[in-house]
Amino acid sequence: MTIAIASDHAGFRYKTLIAEHLTQLGHIVVDFGTDSDHPPVDYPTFIRPAAQAVADGSCNLGIVLGGSGNGEAIVANKVSGIRCGVCWNAESARLARAHNNANVISIGERMMPPETAIQIVDTWLNTPFEAGRHQQRIEQIEQT
């Protein structure tokens, strides 16, 4: 699977950790930056291209990171076709996939230890979309 990944300076450390983890699992990781935790950078510069890569199909899924993950999710969700959920634990990641078929997740580096971030990624990747009653909601989201 090809996974887009991007962060601002505040999510750089976990971006690097997650990219290494995904590579070890056999995924192809496309890194949209940033390349350092200093100096501070504007997250839309890096998040938007990653989300666009998922929306246009050049990447299957995406992971965006920042300090809280909120701004990054907002940027990703501005791209048509993206359903990005902010995930703070394994259960939120499971529900983002199972109920919302999230094709991008957002993680806040300042909100959790690194082990939780990896657990979020693994849970999200390994959870199937339940479809059923959730499919009609996805269709409604796409109409807005």
C-alpha atoms as a PDB file:
ATOM      1  CA  MET A   1       0.000   0.000   0.000  1.00  0.00           C
ATOM      2  CA  THR A   2       1.212   3.528  -0.741  1.00  0.00           C
ATOM      3  CA  ILE A   3       0.748   5.923   2.157  1.00  0.00           C
ATOM      4  CA  ALA A   4       1.193   9.695   2.049  1.00  0.00           C
ATOM      5  CA  ILE A   5       2.647  11.257   5.180  1.00  0.00           C
ATOM      6  CA  ALA A   6       3.168  14.894   6.103  1.00  0.00           C
ATOM      7  CA  SER A   7       3.702  17.078   9.141  1.00  0.00           C
ATOM      8  CA  ASP A   8       4.637  20.488  10.330  1.00  0.00           C
ATOM      9  CA  HIS A   9       7.573  21.038  12.690  1.00  0.00           C
ATOM     10  CA  ALA A  10       5.495  19.967  15.721  1.00  0.00           C
ATOM     11  CA  GLY A  11       4.708  16.562  14.215  1.00  0.00           C
ATOM     12  CA  PHE A  12       8.069  15.893  12.583  1.00  0.00           C
ATOM     13  CA  ARG A  13       9.438  13.466  15.182  1.00  0.00           C
ATOM     14  CA  TYR A  14       6.384  11.182  15.052  1.00  0.00           C
ATOM     15  CA  LYS A  15       6.191  11.491  11.266  1.00  0.00           C
ATOM     16  CA  THR A  16       9.691  10.048  11.060  1.00  0.00           C
ATOM     17  CA  LEU A  17       8.858   7.294  13.544  1.00  0.00           C
ATOM     18  CA  ILE A  18       5.625   6.345  11.764  1.00  0.00           C
ATOM     19  CA  ALA A  19       7.239   6.414   8.314  1.00  0.00           C
ATOM     20  CA  GLU A  20       9.928   3.988   9.519  1.00  0.00           C
ATOM     21  CA  HIS A  21       7.268   1.736  11.064  1.00  0.00           C
ATOM     22  CA  LEU A  22       5.211   1.697   7.858  1.00  0.00           C
ATOM     23  CA  THR A  23       8.281   0.906   5.773  1.00  0.00           C
ATOM     24  CA  GLN A  24       9.124  -2.002   8.078  1.00  0.00           C
ATOM     25  CA  LEU A  25       5.589  -3.304   7.520  1.00  0.00           C
ATOM     26  CA  GLY A  26       6.217  -3.280   3.762  1.00  0.00           C
ATOM     27  CA  HIS A  27       4.283  -0.154   2.799  1.00  0.00           C
ATOM     28  CA  ILE A  28       5.548   2.483   0.388  1.00  0.00           C
ATOM     29  CA  VAL A  29       5.705   5.830   2.165  1.00  0.00           C
ATOM     30  CA  VAL A  30       5.580   9.095   0.233  1.00  0.00           C
ATOM     31  CA  ASP A  31       6.857  11.875   2.497  1.00  0.00           C
ATOM     32  CA  PHE A  32       5.492  15.340   1.714  1.00  0.00           C
ATOM     33  CA  GLY A  33       7.605  17.031   4.403  1.00  0.00           C
ATOM     34  CA  THR A  34       8.547  18.903   6.472  1.00  0.00           C
ATOM     35  CA  ASP A  35      12.120  17.765   6.906  1.00  0.00           C
ATOM     36  CA  SER A  36      12.888  19.158  10.356  1.00  0.00           C
ATOM     37  CA  ASP A  37      11.388  20.262  13.639  1.00  0.00           C
ATOM     38  CA  HIS A  38      12.981  23.693  13.244  1.00  0.00           C
ATOM     39  CA  PRO A  39      12.269  26.342  12.127  1.00  0.00           C
ATOM     40  CA  PRO A  40       8.488  26.482  12.589  1.00  0.00           C
ATOM     41  CA  VAL A  41       6.614  26.027   9.313  1.00  0.00           C
ATOM     42  CA  ASP A  42       3.047  26.519   8.119  1.00  0.00           C
ATOM     43  CA  TYR A  43       1.322  23.127   8.074  1.00  0.00           C
ATOM     44  CA  PRO A  44      -0.975  23.739   5.063  1.00  0.00           C
ATOM     45  CA  THR A  45       2.123  23.817   2.842  1.00  0.00           C
ATOM     46  CA  PHE A  46       2.777  20.142   3.606  1.00  0.00           C
ATOM     47  CA  ILE A  47      -0.628  18.736   4.528  1.00  0.00           C
ATOM     48  CA  ARG A  48      -2.567  19.854   1.434  1.00  0.00           C
ATOM     49  CA  PRO A  49      -0.292  18.058  -1.088  1.00  0.00           C
ATOM     50  CA  ALA A  50      -0.450  14.852   0.964  1.00  0.00           C
ATOM     51  CA  ALA A  51      -4.246  14.987   1.066  1.00  0.00           C
ATOM     52  CA  GLN A  52      -4.383  15.751  -2.652  1.00  0.00           C
ATOM     53  CA  ALA A  53      -2.246  12.683  -3.351  1.00  0.00           C
ATOM     54  CA  VAL A  54      -4.836  10.526  -1.567  1.00  0.00           C
ATOM     55  CA  ALA A  55      -7.728  12.268  -3.307  1.00  0.00           C
ATOM     56  CA  ASP A  56      -6.202  11.810  -6.774  1.00  0.00           C
ATOM     57  CA  GLY A  57      -5.329   8.169  -6.112  1.00  0.00           C
ATOM     58  CA  SER A  58      -1.549   8.432  -6.303  1.00  0.00           C
ATOM     59  CA  CYS A  59      -1.512   7.324  -2.642  1.00  0.00           C
ATOM     60  CA  ASN A  60      -3.974   4.881  -1.103  1.00  0.00           C
ATOM     61  CA  LEU A  61      -4.131   6.486   2.337  1.00  0.00           C
ATOM     62  CA  GLY A  62      -2.607   9.367   4.259  1.00  0.00           C
ATOM     63  CA  ILE A  63      -1.347  10.279   7.707  1.00  0.00           C
ATOM     64  CA  VAL A  64      -0.867  13.895   8.758  1.00  0.00           C
ATOM     65  CA  LEU A  65       0.695  15.106  11.971  1.00  0.00           C
ATOM     66  CA  GLY A  66       1.095  18.273  13.982  1.00  0.00           C
ATOM     67  CA  GLY A  67       1.118  19.430  17.567  1.00  0.00           C
ATOM     68  CA  SER A  68      -2.556  18.669  18.216  1.00  0.00           C
ATOM     69  CA  GLY A  69      -3.576  17.291  14.818  1.00  0.00           C
ATOM     70  CA  ASN A  70      -6.573  19.604  14.628  1.00  0.00           C
ATOM     71  CA  GLY A  71      -5.307  22.119  12.083  1.00  0.00           C
ATOM     72  CA  GLU A  72      -3.886  19.353   9.943  1.00  0.00           C
ATOM     73  CA  ALA A  73      -7.252  17.568   9.848  1.00  0.00           C
ATOM     74  CA  ILE A  74      -8.982  20.808   8.905  1.00  0.00           C
ATOM     75  CA  VAL A  75      -6.615  21.317   5.972  1.00  0.00           C
ATOM     76  CA  ALA A  76      -6.923  17.711   4.803  1.00  0.00           C
ATOM     77  CA  ASN A  77     -10.709  17.834   4.974  1.00  0.00           C
ATOM     78  CA  LYS A  78     -10.761  20.882   2.691  1.00  0.00           C
ATOM     79  CA  VAL A  79      -9.629  18.577  -0.144  1.00  0.00           C
ATOM     80  CA  SER A  80     -12.559  17.023  -1.990  1.00  0.00           C
ATOM     81  CA  GLY A  81     -12.776  13.288  -1.392  1.00  0.00           C
ATOM     82  CA  ILE A  82     -10.875  13.288   1.883  1.00  0.00           C
ATOM     83  CA  ARG A  83     -12.333  12.019   5.125  1.00  0.00           C
ATOM     84  CA  CYS A  84      -9.737  12.801   7.783  1.00  0.00           C
ATOM     85  CA  GLY A  85     -10.315  11.936  11.412  1.00  0.00           C
ATOM     86  CA  VAL A  86      -8.322  13.249  14.343  1.00  0.00           C
ATOM     87  CA  CYS A  87      -7.247  10.176  16.309  1.00  0.00           C
ATOM     88  CA  TRP A  88      -6.136  10.272  19.918  1.00  0.00           C
ATOM     89  CA  ASN A  89      -6.238   6.564  20.797  1.00  0.00           C
ATOM     90  CA  ALA A  90      -6.784   3.150  19.199  1.00  0.00           C
ATOM     91  CA  GLU A  91     -10.555   3.284  19.626  1.00  0.00           C
ATOM     92  CA  SER A  92     -10.863   6.629  17.828  1.00  0.00           C
ATOM     93  CA  ALA A  93      -8.733   5.181  15.007  1.00  0.00           C
ATOM     94  CA  ARG A  94     -10.904   2.056  14.817  1.00  0.00           C
ATOM     95  CA  LEU A  95     -14.071   4.125  14.588  1.00  0.00           C
ATOM     96  CA  ALA A  96     -12.558   6.527  12.044  1.00  0.00           C
ATOM     97  CA  ARG A  97     -12.079   3.555   9.733  1.00  0.00           C
ATOM     98  CA  ALA A  98     -15.020   1.311  10.674  1.00  0.00           C
ATOM     99  CA  HIS A  99     -17.701   4.004  10.629  1.00  0.00           C
ATOM    100  CA  ASN A 100     -16.255   6.850   8.541  1.00  0.00           C
ATOM    101  CA  ASN A 101     -13.935   4.970   6.179  1.00  0.00           C
ATOM    102  CA  ALA A 102     -11.331   7.648   6.921  1.00  0.00           C
ATOM    103  CA  ASN A 103      -8.782   7.703   4.137  1.00  0.00           C
ATOM    104  CA  VAL A 104      -6.548  10.073   6.111  1.00  0.00           C
ATOM    105  CA  ILE A 105      -5.904  10.298   9.839  1.00  0.00           C
ATOM    106  CA  SER A 106      -4.434  13.138  11.833  1.00  0.00           C
ATOM    107  CA  ILE A 107      -2.277  12.638  14.916  1.00  0.00           C
ATOM    108  CA  GLY A 108      -1.122  15.215  17.464  1.00  0.00           C
ATOM    109  CA  GLU A 109       2.428  14.590  18.603  1.00  0.00           C
ATOM    110  CA  ARG A 110       1.970  16.718  21.717  1.00  0.00           C
ATOM    111  CA  MET A 111      -1.129  14.762  22.734  1.00  0.00           C
ATOM    112  CA  MET A 112       0.281  11.262  23.261  1.00  0.00           C
ATOM    113  CA  PRO A 113       3.363   9.103  23.705  1.00  0.00           C
ATOM    114  CA  PRO A 114       4.938   7.581  20.574  1.00  0.00           C
ATOM    115  CA  GLU A 115       3.648   4.096  21.393  1.00  0.00           C
ATOM    116  CA  THR A 116       0.084   5.366  21.205  1.00  0.00           C
ATOM    117  CA  ALA A 117       0.733   6.975  17.823  1.00  0.00           C
ATOM    118  CA  ILE A 118       1.985   3.653  16.438  1.00  0.00           C
ATOM    119  CA  GLN A 119      -0.993   1.825  17.957  1.00  0.00           C
ATOM    120  CA  ILE A 120      -3.334   4.334  16.275  1.00  0.00           C
ATOM    121  CA  VAL A 121      -1.718   3.750  12.886  1.00  0.00           C
ATOM    122  CA  ASP A 122      -1.807  -0.042  13.218  1.00  0.00           C
ATOM    123  CA  THR A 123      -5.415  -0.074  14.388  1.00  0.00           C
ATOM    124  CA  TRP A 124      -6.541   2.214  11.555  1.00  0.00           C
ATOM    125  CA  LEU A 125      -4.711   0.167   8.912  1.00  0.00           C
ATOM    126  CA  ASN A 126      -6.084  -3.127  10.183  1.00  0.00           C
ATOM    127  CA  THR A 127      -9.716  -2.107  10.672  1.00  0.00           C
ATOM    128  CA  PRO A 128     -12.117  -2.724   7.792  1.00  0.00           C
ATOM    129  CA  PHE A 129     -14.879  -0.297   6.850  1.00  0.00           C
ATOM    130  CA  GLU A 130     -18.179  -1.743   8.109  1.00  0.00           C
ATOM    131  CA  ALA A 131     -20.235  -0.204   5.263  1.00  0.00           C
ATOM    132  CA  GLY A 132     -23.913  -0.984   5.913  1.00  0.00           C
ATOM    133  CA  ARG A 133     -25.650   1.971   7.526  1.00  0.00           C
ATOM    134  CA  HIS A 134     -22.365   3.878   7.447  1.00  0.00           C
ATOM    135  CA  GLN A 135     -22.176   3.814   3.645  1.00  0.00           C
ATOM    136  CA  GLN A 136     -25.179   6.092   3.234  1.00  0.00           C
ATOM    137  CA  ARG A 137     -23.535   8.565   5.605  1.00  0.00           C
ATOM    138  CA  ILE A 138     -20.361   8.521   3.543  1.00  0.00           C
ATOM    139  CA  GLU A 139     -22.461   9.243   0.472  1.00  0.00           C
ATOM    140  CA  GLN A 140     -24.107  12.149   2.277  1.00  0.00           C
ATOM    141  CA  ILE A 141     -20.710  13.538   3.234  1.00  0.00           C
ATOM    142  CA  GLU A 142     -19.620  13.394  -0.396  1.00  0.00           C
ATOM    143  CA  GLN A 143     -22.667  15.460  -1.414  1.00  0.00           C
ATOM    144  CA  THR A 144     -21.770  18.360   0.906  1.00  0.00           C
END
